[in-house]
Amino acid sequence: MAGIIKPMCIILITAVLAMAVAPRGEAAIGCGSVVSYLNPCLPYVTNKGPLGSCCSGVKGLYGAAQTTPDRQSVCTCLKSLAASYKDVDLNKAAGLPGQCGVNIPYKISPSTDCSKVN
């Protein structure tokens, strides 16, 4: 189960960071928080279940990532998780913001440059 949660979190974190646009500050969101928010998305992004309550986690993470450092931290976490686990359908992960009605300014992808996330 832990192996599945990490990839899902990577993808969702990237989405959340892309969504959030706020003033700079200190990062308060760690990978553990990202994983907690995005855990409900794991079945969906690993092709093992429906979208279910995933959007609530995506929207919660989006709302929590209020500063640039927070968004960059989420992005970095998502990239690390995506690189570590190959079970995640990257297209489904990249589509989560749109599926959940959240508009983010970057694509959720292992190639995203998190240092450019604002």
N, C-alpha and C. Protein backbone atom coordinates (compact mmCIF):
# COMPACT_ATOMS: atom_id res chain seq x y z
N MET A 1 0.82 -1.19 0.00
CA MET A 1 0.00 0.00 0.00
C MET A 1 0.86 1.25 0.00
N ALA A 2 1.94 1.27 0.79
CA ALA A 2 2.82 2.44 0.86
C ALA A 2 3.47 2.69 -0.50
N GLY A 3 3.75 1.62 -1.23
CA GLY A 3 4.36 1.75 -2.55
C GLY A 3 3.43 2.40 -3.55
N ILE A 4 2.17 2.28 -3.35
CA ILE A 4 1.18 2.86 -4.26
C ILE A 4 0.91 4.31 -3.88
N ILE A 5 0.93 4.63 -2.64
CA ILE A 5 0.64 5.97 -2.15
C ILE A 5 1.69 6.97 -2.63
N LYS A 6 2.93 6.58 -2.62
CA LYS A 6 4.00 7.50 -3.01
C LYS A 6 3.86 7.99 -4.44
N PRO A 7 3.62 7.12 -5.42
CA PRO A 7 3.50 7.61 -6.80
C PRO A 7 2.31 8.54 -6.97
N MET A 8 1.22 8.19 -6.33
CA MET A 8 0.03 9.00 -6.44
C MET A 8 0.28 10.38 -5.87
N CYS A 9 0.99 10.44 -4.77
CA CYS A 9 1.28 11.71 -4.13
C CYS A 9 2.14 12.60 -5.00
N ILE A 10 3.10 12.01 -5.67
CA ILE A 10 3.98 12.79 -6.53
C ILE A 10 3.17 13.51 -7.59
N ILE A 11 2.30 12.80 -8.19
CA ILE A 11 1.49 13.37 -9.26
C ILE A 11 0.57 14.45 -8.73
N LEU A 12 -0.06 14.18 -7.64
CA LEU A 12 -0.99 15.15 -7.07
C LEU A 12 -0.28 16.38 -6.54
N ILE A 13 0.88 16.19 -5.97
CA ILE A 13 1.62 17.33 -5.45
C ILE A 13 1.98 18.27 -6.58
N THR A 14 2.43 17.72 -7.67
CA THR A 14 2.76 18.55 -8.81
C THR A 14 1.55 19.34 -9.25
N ALA A 15 0.40 18.71 -9.26
CA ALA A 15 -0.82 19.39 -9.67
C ALA A 15 -1.16 20.51 -8.71
N VAL A 16 -1.05 20.25 -7.45
CA VAL A 16 -1.39 21.25 -6.44
C VAL A 16 -0.46 22.44 -6.52
N LEU A 17 0.83 22.18 -6.70
CA LEU A 17 1.78 23.28 -6.81
C LEU A 17 1.48 24.13 -8.02
N ALA A 18 1.11 23.50 -9.09
CA ALA A 18 0.78 24.23 -10.30
C ALA A 18 -0.44 25.11 -10.07
N MET A 19 -1.37 24.63 -9.29
CA MET A 19 -2.60 25.35 -9.03
C MET A 19 -2.41 26.58 -8.15
N ALA A 20 -1.58 26.44 -7.15
CA ALA A 20 -1.46 27.50 -6.16
C ALA A 20 -0.62 28.66 -6.66
N VAL A 21 -1.13 29.86 -6.47
CA VAL A 21 -0.38 31.05 -6.81
C VAL A 21 -0.57 32.02 -5.65
N ALA A 22 0.49 32.19 -4.86
CA ALA A 22 0.40 33.05 -3.68
C ALA A 22 1.76 33.66 -3.40
N PRO A 23 1.83 34.57 -2.43
CA PRO A 23 3.11 35.22 -2.11
C PRO A 23 4.12 34.24 -1.52
N ARG A 24 5.37 34.64 -1.58
CA ARG A 24 6.44 33.79 -1.05
C ARG A 24 6.39 33.72 0.48
N GLY A 25 6.91 32.62 0.99
CA GLY A 25 6.97 32.40 2.43
C GLY A 25 7.76 31.14 2.67
N GLU A 26 7.74 30.64 3.88
CA GLU A 26 8.46 29.42 4.20
C GLU A 26 7.59 28.21 3.90
N ALA A 27 8.20 27.18 3.35
CA ALA A 27 7.45 25.97 3.02
C ALA A 27 7.03 25.26 4.31
N ALA A 28 5.76 24.94 4.37
CA ALA A 28 5.23 24.26 5.55
C ALA A 28 4.66 22.89 5.17
N ILE A 29 4.59 22.60 3.89
CA ILE A 29 4.00 21.35 3.43
C ILE A 29 5.10 20.37 3.05
N GLY A 30 5.15 19.26 3.78
CA GLY A 30 6.13 18.23 3.50
C GLY A 30 5.51 17.10 2.69
N CYS A 31 6.34 16.16 2.27
CA CYS A 31 5.84 15.03 1.47
C CYS A 31 4.80 14.21 2.22
N GLY A 32 4.94 14.10 3.53
CA GLY A 32 3.95 13.36 4.31
C GLY A 32 2.57 13.96 4.19
N SER A 33 2.50 15.28 4.20
CA SER A 33 1.21 15.98 4.05
C SER A 33 0.66 15.78 2.65
N VAL A 34 1.53 15.86 1.67
CA VAL A 34 1.10 15.68 0.28
C VAL A 34 0.50 14.29 0.11
N VAL A 35 1.18 13.30 0.64
CA VAL A 35 0.70 11.92 0.54
C VAL A 35 -0.66 11.79 1.22
N SER A 36 -0.81 12.41 2.37
CA SER A 36 -2.09 12.35 3.09
C SER A 36 -3.23 12.94 2.26
N TYR A 37 -2.98 14.10 1.66
CA TYR A 37 -4.00 14.74 0.85
C TYR A 37 -4.37 13.89 -0.37
N LEU A 38 -3.36 13.32 -1.00
CA LEU A 38 -3.58 12.64 -2.26
C LEU A 38 -3.82 11.14 -2.18
N ASN A 39 -3.78 10.59 -1.01
CA ASN A 39 -3.99 9.15 -0.83
C ASN A 39 -5.27 8.65 -1.51
N PRO A 40 -6.38 9.40 -1.43
CA PRO A 40 -7.61 8.92 -2.08
C PRO A 40 -7.50 8.82 -3.61
N CYS A 41 -6.48 9.43 -4.20
CA CYS A 41 -6.31 9.41 -5.66
C CYS A 41 -5.54 8.19 -6.15
N LEU A 42 -4.91 7.49 -5.25
CA LEU A 42 -4.06 6.37 -5.62
C LEU A 42 -4.76 5.32 -6.48
N PRO A 43 -5.94 4.86 -6.10
CA PRO A 43 -6.60 3.86 -6.94
C PRO A 43 -6.83 4.36 -8.37
N TYR A 44 -7.20 5.62 -8.50
CA TYR A 44 -7.49 6.18 -9.82
C TYR A 44 -6.23 6.28 -10.68
N VAL A 45 -5.15 6.85 -10.14
CA VAL A 45 -3.94 7.05 -10.95
C VAL A 45 -3.15 5.77 -11.19
N THR A 46 -3.51 4.70 -10.52
CA THR A 46 -2.86 3.41 -10.74
C THR A 46 -3.80 2.44 -11.48
N ASN A 47 -4.88 2.98 -12.03
CA ASN A 47 -5.86 2.20 -12.80
C ASN A 47 -6.46 1.04 -12.00
N LYS A 48 -6.66 1.27 -10.69
CA LYS A 48 -7.23 0.23 -9.84
C LYS A 48 -8.56 0.63 -9.24
N GLY A 49 -9.07 1.80 -9.62
CA GLY A 49 -10.34 2.23 -9.06
C GLY A 49 -10.80 3.54 -9.66
N PRO A 50 -11.98 4.00 -9.22
CA PRO A 50 -12.55 5.25 -9.74
C PRO A 50 -11.92 6.48 -9.09
N LEU A 51 -12.27 7.63 -9.61
CA LEU A 51 -11.80 8.91 -9.08
C LEU A 51 -12.22 9.07 -7.62
N GLY A 52 -13.40 8.62 -7.29
CA GLY A 52 -13.88 8.63 -5.90
C GLY A 52 -13.73 9.97 -5.22
N SER A 53 -13.15 9.97 -4.02
CA SER A 53 -13.00 11.20 -3.23
C SER A 53 -11.66 11.89 -3.47
N CYS A 54 -11.01 11.56 -4.56
CA CYS A 54 -9.71 12.14 -4.90
C CYS A 54 -9.77 13.67 -4.97
N CYS A 55 -10.79 14.22 -5.59
CA CYS A 55 -10.86 15.67 -5.79
C CYS A 55 -10.86 16.45 -4.48
N SER A 56 -11.43 15.87 -3.44
CA SER A 56 -11.40 16.55 -2.14
C SER A 56 -9.97 16.70 -1.67
N GLY A 57 -9.13 15.69 -1.88
CA GLY A 57 -7.72 15.79 -1.50
C GLY A 57 -6.96 16.76 -2.37
N VAL A 58 -7.24 16.75 -3.67
CA VAL A 58 -6.57 17.66 -4.60
C VAL A 58 -6.90 19.10 -4.22
N LYS A 59 -8.18 19.37 -3.98
CA LYS A 59 -8.61 20.72 -3.62
C LYS A 59 -8.05 21.13 -2.26
N GLY A 60 -7.98 20.17 -1.32
CA GLY A 60 -7.42 20.47 0.00
C GLY A 60 -5.95 20.82 -0.10
N LEU A 61 -5.20 20.09 -0.89
CA LEU A 61 -3.78 20.35 -1.07
C LEU A 61 -3.59 21.69 -1.78
N TYR A 62 -4.39 21.95 -2.78
CA TYR A 62 -4.34 23.23 -3.49
C TYR A 62 -4.55 24.38 -2.50
N GLY A 63 -5.53 24.23 -1.63
CA GLY A 63 -5.82 25.27 -0.64
C GLY A 63 -4.72 25.42 0.39
N ALA A 64 -4.03 24.33 0.71
CA ALA A 64 -2.97 24.37 1.72
C ALA A 64 -1.67 24.96 1.18
N ALA A 65 -1.43 24.83 -0.11
CA ALA A 65 -0.18 25.32 -0.72
C ALA A 65 -0.35 26.78 -1.10
N GLN A 66 -0.26 27.66 -0.10
CA GLN A 66 -0.53 29.07 -0.30
C GLN A 66 0.68 29.91 -0.65
N THR A 67 1.88 29.40 -0.45
CA THR A 67 3.08 30.17 -0.73
C THR A 67 3.88 29.51 -1.85
N THR A 68 4.75 30.29 -2.46
CA THR A 68 5.61 29.74 -3.51
C THR A 68 6.45 28.59 -2.97
N PRO A 69 7.07 28.73 -1.78
CA PRO A 69 7.84 27.59 -1.26
C PRO A 69 6.98 26.35 -1.03
N ASP A 70 5.74 26.53 -0.59
CA ASP A 70 4.84 25.40 -0.41
C ASP A 70 4.59 24.71 -1.74
N ARG A 71 4.27 25.48 -2.76
CA ARG A 71 3.98 24.92 -4.08
C ARG A 71 5.20 24.22 -4.67
N GLN A 72 6.37 24.81 -4.46
CA GLN A 72 7.60 24.19 -4.97
C GLN A 72 7.91 22.90 -4.21
N SER A 73 7.64 22.90 -2.92
CA SER A 73 7.85 21.70 -2.11
C SER A 73 6.93 20.58 -2.56
N VAL A 74 5.68 20.90 -2.81
CA VAL A 74 4.72 19.91 -3.29
C VAL A 74 5.17 19.37 -4.64
N CYS A 75 5.59 20.24 -5.52
CA CYS A 75 6.05 19.85 -6.85
C CYS A 75 7.23 18.89 -6.74
N THR A 76 8.19 19.23 -5.91
CA THR A 76 9.38 18.40 -5.74
C THR A 76 9.02 17.03 -5.19
N CYS A 77 8.11 17.00 -4.25
CA CYS A 77 7.68 15.74 -3.67
C CYS A 77 7.00 14.87 -4.72
N LEU A 78 6.11 15.47 -5.51
CA LEU A 78 5.42 14.73 -6.56
C LEU A 78 6.40 14.17 -7.58
N LYS A 79 7.38 14.96 -7.96
CA LYS A 79 8.38 14.49 -8.92
C LYS A 79 9.16 13.31 -8.36
N SER A 80 9.54 13.39 -7.10
CA SER A 80 10.30 12.31 -6.47
C SER A 80 9.49 11.03 -6.44
N LEU A 81 8.24 11.15 -6.07
CA LEU A 81 7.38 9.98 -6.02
C LEU A 81 7.16 9.39 -7.40
N ALA A 82 6.95 10.24 -8.39
CA ALA A 82 6.72 9.77 -9.75
C ALA A 82 7.95 9.04 -10.29
N ALA A 83 9.12 9.54 -9.96
CA ALA A 83 10.36 8.92 -10.43
C ALA A 83 10.61 7.58 -9.74
N SER A 84 10.12 7.44 -8.53
CA SER A 84 10.34 6.24 -7.73
C SER A 84 9.38 5.10 -8.06
N TYR A 85 8.19 5.42 -8.52
CA TYR A 85 7.17 4.41 -8.74
C TYR A 85 6.64 4.47 -10.16
N LYS A 86 6.66 3.34 -10.82
CA LYS A 86 6.24 3.28 -12.22
C LYS A 86 4.79 2.83 -12.38
N ASP A 87 4.06 2.58 -11.28
CA ASP A 87 2.67 2.12 -11.34
C ASP A 87 1.69 3.24 -11.74
N VAL A 88 2.12 4.49 -11.62
CA VAL A 88 1.23 5.62 -11.83
C VAL A 88 1.05 5.92 -13.32
N ASP A 89 -0.19 6.10 -13.71
CA ASP A 89 -0.52 6.52 -15.08
C ASP A 89 -0.32 8.03 -15.10
N LEU A 90 0.78 8.47 -15.69
CA LEU A 90 1.11 9.90 -15.69
C LEU A 90 0.08 10.76 -16.40
N ASN A 91 -0.58 10.22 -17.39
CA ASN A 91 -1.63 10.98 -18.07
C ASN A 91 -2.82 11.22 -17.15
N LYS A 92 -3.20 10.21 -16.37
CA LYS A 92 -4.29 10.39 -15.41
C LYS A 92 -3.88 11.38 -14.33
N ALA A 93 -2.65 11.28 -13.87
CA ALA A 93 -2.16 12.20 -12.84
C ALA A 93 -2.17 13.63 -13.36
N ALA A 94 -1.67 13.83 -14.58
CA ALA A 94 -1.64 15.17 -15.17
C ALA A 94 -3.04 15.73 -15.38
N GLY A 95 -4.02 14.86 -15.57
CA GLY A 95 -5.39 15.29 -15.79
C GLY A 95 -6.19 15.57 -14.53
N LEU A 96 -5.62 15.25 -13.37
CA LEU A 96 -6.36 15.44 -12.11
C LEU A 96 -6.84 16.87 -11.87
N PRO A 97 -6.02 17.88 -12.10
CA PRO A 97 -6.53 19.24 -11.86
C PRO A 97 -7.80 19.52 -12.66
N GLY A 98 -7.78 19.20 -13.94
CA GLY A 98 -8.96 19.41 -14.78
C GLY A 98 -10.14 18.58 -14.33
N GLN A 99 -9.90 17.31 -13.97
CA GLN A 99 -10.96 16.43 -13.49
C GLN A 99 -11.60 16.99 -12.22
N CYS A 100 -10.79 17.67 -11.42
CA CYS A 100 -11.26 18.17 -10.13
C CYS A 100 -11.65 19.65 -10.17
N GLY A 101 -11.61 20.25 -11.34
CA GLY A 101 -12.03 21.65 -11.47
C GLY A 101 -11.05 22.65 -10.90
N VAL A 102 -9.77 22.29 -10.92
CA VAL A 102 -8.74 23.19 -10.41
C VAL A 102 -7.84 23.58 -11.57
N ASN A 103 -7.53 24.86 -11.68
CA ASN A 103 -6.70 25.35 -12.77
C ASN A 103 -5.29 25.62 -12.26
N ILE A 104 -4.32 24.88 -12.80
CA ILE A 104 -2.94 25.08 -12.40
C ILE A 104 -2.12 25.55 -13.61
N PRO A 105 -1.08 26.37 -13.38
CA PRO A 105 -0.31 26.97 -14.48
C PRO A 105 0.82 26.10 -15.04
N TYR A 106 0.89 24.84 -14.67
CA TYR A 106 1.93 23.98 -15.23
C TYR A 106 1.41 22.56 -15.35
N LYS A 107 2.11 21.76 -16.15
CA LYS A 107 1.71 20.38 -16.35
C LYS A 107 2.31 19.50 -15.27
N ILE A 108 1.53 18.57 -14.77
CA ILE A 108 2.02 17.61 -13.79
C ILE A 108 2.84 16.59 -14.56
N SER A 109 4.14 16.63 -14.34
CA SER A 109 5.04 15.78 -15.10
C SER A 109 6.37 15.64 -14.38
N PRO A 110 7.04 14.49 -14.54
CA PRO A 110 8.36 14.32 -13.93
C PRO A 110 9.39 15.32 -14.49
N SER A 111 9.09 15.92 -15.63
CA SER A 111 10.03 16.87 -16.23
C SER A 111 9.76 18.32 -15.85
N THR A 112 8.75 18.58 -15.02
CA THR A 112 8.45 19.94 -14.60
C THR A 112 9.60 20.51 -13.78
N ASP A 113 9.98 21.74 -14.07
CA ASP A 113 11.03 22.42 -13.31
C ASP A 113 10.36 23.10 -12.12
N CYS A 114 10.44 22.46 -10.97
CA CYS A 114 9.75 22.96 -9.77
C CYS A 114 10.28 24.31 -9.30
N SER A 115 11.51 24.66 -9.66
CA SER A 115 12.06 25.95 -9.24
C SER A 115 11.35 27.11 -9.93
N LYS A 116 10.61 26.81 -11.01
CA LYS A 116 9.90 27.86 -11.75
C LYS A 116 8.43 27.95 -11.33
N VAL A 117 8.02 27.11 -10.40
CA VAL A 117 6.64 27.15 -9.90
C VAL A 117 6.51 28.32 -8.96
N ASN A 118 5.49 29.15 -9.19
CA ASN A 118 5.29 30.33 -8.34
C ASN A 118 4.16 30.15 -7.38
